[in-house]
Amino acid sequence: MRIIQPVLLALLLIGTFSYYRRFRSGVLARLAGLVLFLVGCALLLNPDWATRVAYLFGVGRGVDFFIYLSLFGMAFLLLAIFGAIRDLRVQVTQLGRVTALMNAKKPHATDASSILSASPHANNRD
């Protein structure tokens, strides 16, 4: 076993534990997280497996193959985050509109004489 393997396994375990502790996700997402954790452990303990998988897809090294996969995964996550931010902006705008309409007050009918009599200068006619 190489020196880096226990370190990477510990980081993988900490990351998985943090995911389960902080995020309240559905059953499918939790299952996917567990599968990714197990696959990550297997590939860390048996690096030759990653190379075999890479050869199946025409890539020379396992590390290169998983870097390519992670780049596509990060691009997908980035697009998903941008979509979520856009949806949140729409929801905030709609909430603001509804709140403004609920708090709107009808204007009172006033005429010029009531405005003038309410003026502080109306009684000071010198």
N, C-alpha and C. Protein backbone atom coordinates (compact mmCIF):
# COMPACT_ATOMS: atom_id res chain seq x y z
N MET A 1 0.85 -1.17 0.00
CA MET A 1 0.00 0.00 0.00
C MET A 1 0.90 1.24 0.00
N ARG A 2 0.56 2.18 -0.85
CA ARG A 2 1.31 3.42 -0.94
C ARG A 2 0.89 4.37 0.17
N ILE A 3 1.73 5.33 0.45
CA ILE A 3 1.48 6.27 1.55
C ILE A 3 0.22 7.11 1.27
N ILE A 4 -0.03 7.45 0.02
CA ILE A 4 -1.15 8.32 -0.32
C ILE A 4 -2.51 7.62 -0.18
N GLN A 5 -2.54 6.34 -0.29
CA GLN A 5 -3.82 5.61 -0.26
C GLN A 5 -4.58 5.79 1.05
N PRO A 6 -3.98 5.62 2.22
CA PRO A 6 -4.74 5.85 3.45
C PRO A 6 -5.20 7.30 3.60
N VAL A 7 -4.38 8.22 3.13
CA VAL A 7 -4.75 9.64 3.21
C VAL A 7 -5.98 9.90 2.33
N LEU A 8 -5.96 9.39 1.11
CA LEU A 8 -7.10 9.57 0.21
C LEU A 8 -8.34 8.85 0.72
N LEU A 9 -8.18 7.68 1.29
CA LEU A 9 -9.32 6.98 1.88
C LEU A 9 -9.93 7.77 3.04
N ALA A 10 -9.08 8.35 3.86
CA ALA A 10 -9.58 9.16 4.97
C ALA A 10 -10.33 10.39 4.45
N LEU A 11 -9.79 11.04 3.43
CA LEU A 11 -10.48 12.19 2.83
C LEU A 11 -11.81 11.79 2.21
N LEU A 12 -11.84 10.64 1.56
CA LEU A 12 -13.08 10.15 0.96
C LEU A 12 -14.11 9.85 2.05
N LEU A 13 -13.67 9.26 3.13
CA LEU A 13 -14.57 8.96 4.24
C LEU A 13 -15.09 10.24 4.89
N ILE A 14 -14.23 11.21 5.10
CA ILE A 14 -14.66 12.49 5.68
C ILE A 14 -15.65 13.20 4.77
N GLY A 15 -15.36 13.20 3.47
CA GLY A 15 -16.27 13.84 2.52
C GLY A 15 -17.63 13.18 2.48
N THR A 16 -17.66 11.86 2.50
CA THR A 16 -18.93 11.13 2.48
C THR A 16 -19.69 11.36 3.77
N PHE A 17 -18.99 11.32 4.91
CA PHE A 17 -19.64 11.56 6.18
C PHE A 17 -20.22 12.97 6.24
N SER A 18 -19.48 13.96 5.74
CA SER A 18 -19.97 15.34 5.72
C SER A 18 -21.20 15.47 4.84
N TYR A 19 -21.20 14.79 3.72
CA TYR A 19 -22.36 14.83 2.82
C TYR A 19 -23.60 14.31 3.53
N TYR A 20 -23.48 13.17 4.17
CA TYR A 20 -24.65 12.59 4.84
C TYR A 20 -25.07 13.40 6.06
N ARG A 21 -24.14 14.07 6.69
CA ARG A 21 -24.46 14.83 7.90
C ARG A 21 -25.10 16.17 7.57
N ARG A 22 -24.66 16.82 6.52
CA ARG A 22 -25.12 18.19 6.24
C ARG A 22 -26.29 18.30 5.29
N PHE A 23 -26.35 17.43 4.30
CA PHE A 23 -27.37 17.57 3.28
C PHE A 23 -28.50 16.58 3.51
N ARG A 24 -29.70 17.10 3.45
CA ARG A 24 -30.87 16.24 3.58
C ARG A 24 -31.36 15.92 2.17
N SER A 25 -30.90 14.83 1.66
CA SER A 25 -31.24 14.47 0.29
C SER A 25 -32.14 13.23 0.30
N GLY A 26 -32.67 12.93 -0.86
CA GLY A 26 -33.57 11.80 -0.99
C GLY A 26 -32.83 10.48 -0.97
N VAL A 27 -33.60 9.43 -1.02
CA VAL A 27 -33.03 8.08 -0.94
C VAL A 27 -32.12 7.81 -2.14
N LEU A 28 -32.53 8.24 -3.32
CA LEU A 28 -31.74 7.99 -4.52
C LEU A 28 -30.38 8.69 -4.44
N ALA A 29 -30.36 9.92 -3.96
CA ALA A 29 -29.09 10.66 -3.84
C ALA A 29 -28.20 10.02 -2.77
N ARG A 30 -28.79 9.56 -1.69
CA ARG A 30 -28.00 8.90 -0.65
C ARG A 30 -27.42 7.58 -1.17
N LEU A 31 -28.21 6.86 -1.95
CA LEU A 31 -27.72 5.60 -2.52
C LEU A 31 -26.59 5.87 -3.51
N ALA A 32 -26.74 6.91 -4.33
CA ALA A 32 -25.68 7.28 -5.27
C ALA A 32 -24.41 7.67 -4.52
N GLY A 33 -24.55 8.40 -3.42
CA GLY A 33 -23.39 8.76 -2.61
C GLY A 33 -22.68 7.54 -2.04
N LEU A 34 -23.46 6.56 -1.59
CA LEU A 34 -22.88 5.33 -1.06
C LEU A 34 -22.15 4.55 -2.15
N VAL A 35 -22.76 4.47 -3.33
CA VAL A 35 -22.13 3.76 -4.45
C VAL A 35 -20.82 4.45 -4.84
N LEU A 36 -20.84 5.79 -4.92
CA LEU A 36 -19.62 6.52 -5.27
C LEU A 36 -18.53 6.31 -4.21
N PHE A 37 -18.92 6.27 -2.95
CA PHE A 37 -17.96 6.03 -1.89
C PHE A 37 -17.33 4.64 -2.04
N LEU A 38 -18.16 3.63 -2.28
CA LEU A 38 -17.65 2.27 -2.41
C LEU A 38 -16.76 2.11 -3.65
N VAL A 39 -17.17 2.72 -4.75
CA VAL A 39 -16.36 2.66 -5.97
C VAL A 39 -15.03 3.39 -5.75
N GLY A 40 -15.09 4.54 -5.09
CA GLY A 40 -13.86 5.28 -4.79
C GLY A 40 -12.91 4.47 -3.92
N CYS A 41 -13.46 3.80 -2.91
CA CYS A 41 -12.61 2.95 -2.05
C CYS A 41 -11.99 1.81 -2.84
N ALA A 42 -12.79 1.17 -3.69
CA ALA A 42 -12.28 0.04 -4.48
C ALA A 42 -11.17 0.50 -5.43
N LEU A 43 -11.35 1.65 -6.06
CA LEU A 43 -10.35 2.14 -7.00
C LEU A 43 -9.09 2.64 -6.29
N LEU A 44 -9.26 3.16 -5.08
CA LEU A 44 -8.07 3.58 -4.32
C LEU A 44 -7.26 2.38 -3.85
N LEU A 45 -7.94 1.33 -3.47
CA LEU A 45 -7.23 0.14 -2.99
C LEU A 45 -6.66 -0.71 -4.12
N ASN A 46 -7.28 -0.63 -5.32
CA ASN A 46 -6.84 -1.40 -6.48
C ASN A 46 -6.70 -0.47 -7.69
N PRO A 47 -5.65 0.31 -7.78
CA PRO A 47 -5.49 1.28 -8.87
C PRO A 47 -5.47 0.63 -10.26
N ASP A 48 -5.11 -0.63 -10.35
CA ASP A 48 -5.09 -1.29 -11.66
C ASP A 48 -6.49 -1.42 -12.24
N TRP A 49 -7.50 -1.46 -11.39
CA TRP A 49 -8.88 -1.54 -11.88
C TRP A 49 -9.23 -0.28 -12.69
N ALA A 50 -8.77 0.87 -12.23
CA ALA A 50 -9.04 2.11 -12.95
C ALA A 50 -8.40 2.08 -14.33
N THR A 51 -7.21 1.52 -14.42
CA THR A 51 -6.53 1.42 -15.72
C THR A 51 -7.28 0.48 -16.64
N ARG A 52 -7.78 -0.62 -16.11
CA ARG A 52 -8.57 -1.56 -16.93
C ARG A 52 -9.84 -0.91 -17.46
N VAL A 53 -10.51 -0.16 -16.62
CA VAL A 53 -11.72 0.55 -17.06
C VAL A 53 -11.35 1.58 -18.12
N ALA A 54 -10.24 2.27 -17.94
CA ALA A 54 -9.81 3.28 -18.91
C ALA A 54 -9.52 2.64 -20.26
N TYR A 55 -8.88 1.48 -20.26
CA TYR A 55 -8.60 0.79 -21.52
C TYR A 55 -9.87 0.43 -22.26
N LEU A 56 -10.94 0.11 -21.53
CA LEU A 56 -12.22 -0.21 -22.18
C LEU A 56 -12.76 0.98 -22.97
N PHE A 57 -12.43 2.19 -22.52
CA PHE A 57 -12.92 3.39 -23.19
C PHE A 57 -11.87 4.03 -24.09
N GLY A 58 -10.74 3.39 -24.25
CA GLY A 58 -9.71 3.89 -25.15
C GLY A 58 -8.80 4.94 -24.55
N VAL A 59 -8.73 5.02 -23.24
CA VAL A 59 -7.85 5.98 -22.57
C VAL A 59 -6.68 5.19 -21.99
N GLY A 60 -5.50 5.75 -22.06
CA GLY A 60 -4.30 5.03 -21.66
C GLY A 60 -4.15 4.80 -20.17
N ARG A 61 -4.50 5.80 -19.35
CA ARG A 61 -4.30 5.65 -17.91
C ARG A 61 -5.63 5.85 -17.19
N GLY A 62 -5.77 5.17 -16.07
CA GLY A 62 -6.99 5.29 -15.28
C GLY A 62 -7.19 6.68 -14.71
N VAL A 63 -6.10 7.30 -14.30
CA VAL A 63 -6.18 8.65 -13.73
C VAL A 63 -6.73 9.62 -14.78
N ASP A 64 -6.23 9.53 -16.00
CA ASP A 64 -6.71 10.42 -17.06
C ASP A 64 -8.21 10.23 -17.30
N PHE A 65 -8.63 8.98 -17.34
CA PHE A 65 -10.04 8.69 -17.58
C PHE A 65 -10.92 9.31 -16.50
N PHE A 66 -10.53 9.17 -15.25
CA PHE A 66 -11.35 9.70 -14.17
C PHE A 66 -11.26 11.22 -14.06
N ILE A 67 -10.17 11.79 -14.53
CA ILE A 67 -10.11 13.26 -14.62
C ILE A 67 -11.10 13.74 -15.66
N TYR A 68 -11.17 13.06 -16.81
CA TYR A 68 -12.15 13.43 -17.84
C TYR A 68 -13.56 13.31 -17.30
N LEU A 69 -13.84 12.24 -16.61
CA LEU A 69 -15.18 12.06 -16.04
C LEU A 69 -15.50 13.15 -15.03
N SER A 70 -14.52 13.50 -14.20
CA SER A 70 -14.78 14.51 -13.18
C SER A 70 -14.98 15.89 -13.82
N LEU A 71 -14.30 16.17 -14.92
CA LEU A 71 -14.52 17.45 -15.61
C LEU A 71 -15.95 17.54 -16.13
N PHE A 72 -16.43 16.47 -16.74
CA PHE A 72 -17.82 16.47 -17.22
C PHE A 72 -18.79 16.55 -16.05
N GLY A 73 -18.48 15.88 -14.96
CA GLY A 73 -19.33 15.93 -13.77
C GLY A 73 -19.40 17.33 -13.19
N MET A 74 -18.25 18.01 -13.13
CA MET A 74 -18.24 19.38 -12.60
C MET A 74 -18.98 20.34 -13.53
N ALA A 75 -18.87 20.14 -14.83
CA ALA A 75 -19.62 20.99 -15.77
C ALA A 75 -21.12 20.79 -15.58
N PHE A 76 -21.54 19.55 -15.39
CA PHE A 76 -22.95 19.28 -15.14
C PHE A 76 -23.41 19.93 -13.84
N LEU A 77 -22.62 19.81 -12.78
CA LEU A 77 -22.98 20.42 -11.50
C LEU A 77 -23.04 21.94 -11.61
N LEU A 78 -22.13 22.53 -12.36
CA LEU A 78 -22.13 23.97 -12.55
C LEU A 78 -23.41 24.42 -13.25
N LEU A 79 -23.81 23.71 -14.28
CA LEU A 79 -25.06 24.05 -14.97
C LEU A 79 -26.26 23.85 -14.06
N ALA A 80 -26.25 22.81 -13.25
CA ALA A 80 -27.35 22.58 -12.31
C ALA A 80 -27.43 23.70 -11.28
N ILE A 81 -26.28 24.18 -10.80
CA ILE A 81 -26.27 25.27 -9.83
C ILE A 81 -26.77 26.56 -10.46
N PHE A 82 -26.34 26.85 -11.68
CA PHE A 82 -26.83 28.05 -12.36
C PHE A 82 -28.34 27.98 -12.56
N GLY A 83 -28.85 26.81 -12.92
CA GLY A 83 -30.30 26.65 -13.07
C GLY A 83 -31.03 26.86 -11.76
N ALA A 84 -30.48 26.36 -10.67
CA ALA A 84 -31.10 26.53 -9.37
C ALA A 84 -31.10 28.00 -8.95
N ILE A 85 -30.01 28.70 -9.23
CA ILE A 85 -29.94 30.13 -8.91
C ILE A 85 -30.98 30.90 -9.72
N ARG A 86 -31.11 30.56 -10.99
CA ARG A 86 -32.12 31.22 -11.83
C ARG A 86 -33.52 30.99 -11.28
N ASP A 87 -33.82 29.76 -10.88
CA ASP A 87 -35.13 29.45 -10.31
C ASP A 87 -35.37 30.21 -9.01
N LEU A 88 -34.34 30.33 -8.19
CA LEU A 88 -34.48 31.09 -6.94
C LEU A 88 -34.75 32.56 -7.21
N ARG A 89 -34.10 33.11 -8.21
CA ARG A 89 -34.34 34.52 -8.56
C ARG A 89 -35.78 34.73 -8.99
N VAL A 90 -36.30 33.81 -9.77
CA VAL A 90 -37.70 33.92 -10.21
C VAL A 90 -38.63 33.83 -9.00
N GLN A 91 -38.36 32.93 -8.07
CA GLN A 91 -39.19 32.79 -6.88
C GLN A 91 -39.14 34.04 -6.02
N VAL A 92 -37.96 34.64 -5.86
CA VAL A 92 -37.84 35.86 -5.06
C VAL A 92 -38.60 37.00 -5.73
N THR A 93 -38.53 37.10 -7.04
CA THR A 93 -39.26 38.14 -7.76
C THR A 93 -40.76 37.96 -7.58
N GLN A 94 -41.24 36.74 -7.71
CA GLN A 94 -42.67 36.49 -7.53
C GLN A 94 -43.10 36.78 -6.10
N LEU A 95 -42.29 36.40 -5.14
CA LEU A 95 -42.60 36.67 -3.74
C LEU A 95 -42.66 38.17 -3.47
N GLY A 96 -41.72 38.90 -4.04
CA GLY A 96 -41.73 40.36 -3.89
C GLY A 96 -42.96 40.99 -4.49
N ARG A 97 -43.39 40.52 -5.63
CA ARG A 97 -44.60 41.06 -6.27
C ARG A 97 -45.83 40.77 -5.44
N VAL A 98 -45.94 39.54 -4.95
CA VAL A 98 -47.11 39.17 -4.14
C VAL A 98 -47.13 39.98 -2.85
N THR A 99 -45.97 40.15 -2.22
CA THR A 99 -45.89 40.93 -0.99
C THR A 99 -46.26 42.39 -1.24
N ALA A 100 -45.79 42.94 -2.34
CA ALA A 100 -46.11 44.32 -2.66
C ALA A 100 -47.61 44.49 -2.90
N LEU A 101 -48.22 43.55 -3.57
CA LEU A 101 -49.66 43.64 -3.82
C LEU A 101 -50.47 43.46 -2.53
N MET A 102 -50.01 42.60 -1.65
CA MET A 102 -50.73 42.38 -0.40
C MET A 102 -50.62 43.59 0.54
N ASN A 103 -49.50 44.31 0.49
CA ASN A 103 -49.29 45.46 1.37
C ASN A 103 -49.68 46.78 0.73
N ALA A 104 -50.17 46.75 -0.48
CA ALA A 104 -50.54 47.99 -1.17
C ALA A 104 -51.77 48.59 -0.50
N LYS A 105 -51.78 49.92 -0.39
CA LYS A 105 -52.91 50.64 0.21
C LYS A 105 -53.58 51.46 -0.88
N LYS A 106 -54.89 51.50 -0.80
CA LYS A 106 -55.63 52.29 -1.77
C LYS A 106 -55.42 53.77 -1.47
N PRO A 107 -55.23 54.57 -2.51
CA PRO A 107 -55.07 56.01 -2.28
C PRO A 107 -56.40 56.62 -1.85
N HIS A 108 -56.33 57.59 -0.94
CA HIS A 108 -57.54 58.27 -0.46
C HIS A 108 -57.91 59.37 -1.44
N ALA A 109 -59.20 59.54 -1.60
CA ALA A 109 -59.67 60.60 -2.48
C ALA A 109 -59.49 61.94 -1.76
N THR A 110 -58.71 62.81 -2.33
CA THR A 110 -58.46 64.13 -1.73
C THR A 110 -58.72 65.18 -2.79
N ASP A 111 -59.14 66.33 -2.31
CA ASP A 111 -59.29 67.44 -3.23
C ASP A 111 -58.29 68.53 -2.85
N ALA A 112 -58.24 69.53 -3.60
CA ALA A 112 -57.24 70.57 -3.39
C ALA A 112 -57.45 71.31 -2.09
N SER A 113 -58.69 71.51 -1.67
CA SER A 113 -58.95 72.27 -0.44
C SER A 113 -58.46 71.51 0.79
N SER A 114 -58.62 70.17 0.82
CA SER A 114 -58.16 69.42 1.99
C SER A 114 -56.63 69.39 2.04
N ILE A 115 -55.99 69.41 0.89
CA ILE A 115 -54.53 69.45 0.85
C ILE A 115 -54.04 70.79 1.35
N LEU A 116 -54.71 71.87 0.93
CA LEU A 116 -54.29 73.20 1.35
C LEU A 116 -54.55 73.43 2.82
N SER A 117 -55.66 72.91 3.35
CA SER A 117 -55.95 73.12 4.77
C SER A 117 -55.00 72.32 5.65
N ALA A 118 -54.46 71.25 5.16
CA ALA A 118 -53.51 70.46 5.93
C ALA A 118 -52.11 71.04 5.89
N SER A 119 -51.89 72.00 5.03
CA SER A 119 -50.57 72.60 4.91
C SER A 119 -50.28 73.47 6.13
N PRO A 120 -49.05 73.46 6.65
CA PRO A 120 -48.73 74.29 7.82
C PRO A 120 -48.77 75.78 7.52
N HIS A 121 -48.69 76.17 6.27
CA HIS A 121 -48.71 77.58 5.89
C HIS A 121 -50.12 78.09 5.61
N ALA A 122 -51.12 77.22 5.69
CA ALA A 122 -52.48 77.62 5.35
C ALA A 122 -53.06 78.61 6.36
N ASN A 123 -52.72 78.55 7.62
CA ASN A 123 -53.28 79.43 8.65
C ASN A 123 -52.48 80.71 8.82
N ASN A 124 -51.32 80.82 8.24
CA ASN A 124 -50.47 82.00 8.37
C ASN A 124 -50.65 82.94 7.18
N ARG A 125 -51.78 83.61 7.12
CA ARG A 125 -52.02 84.54 6.00
C ARG A 125 -51.75 85.96 6.51
N ASP A 126 -50.63 86.43 6.20
CA ASP A 126 -50.26 87.78 6.66
C ASP A 126 -50.60 88.82 5.68
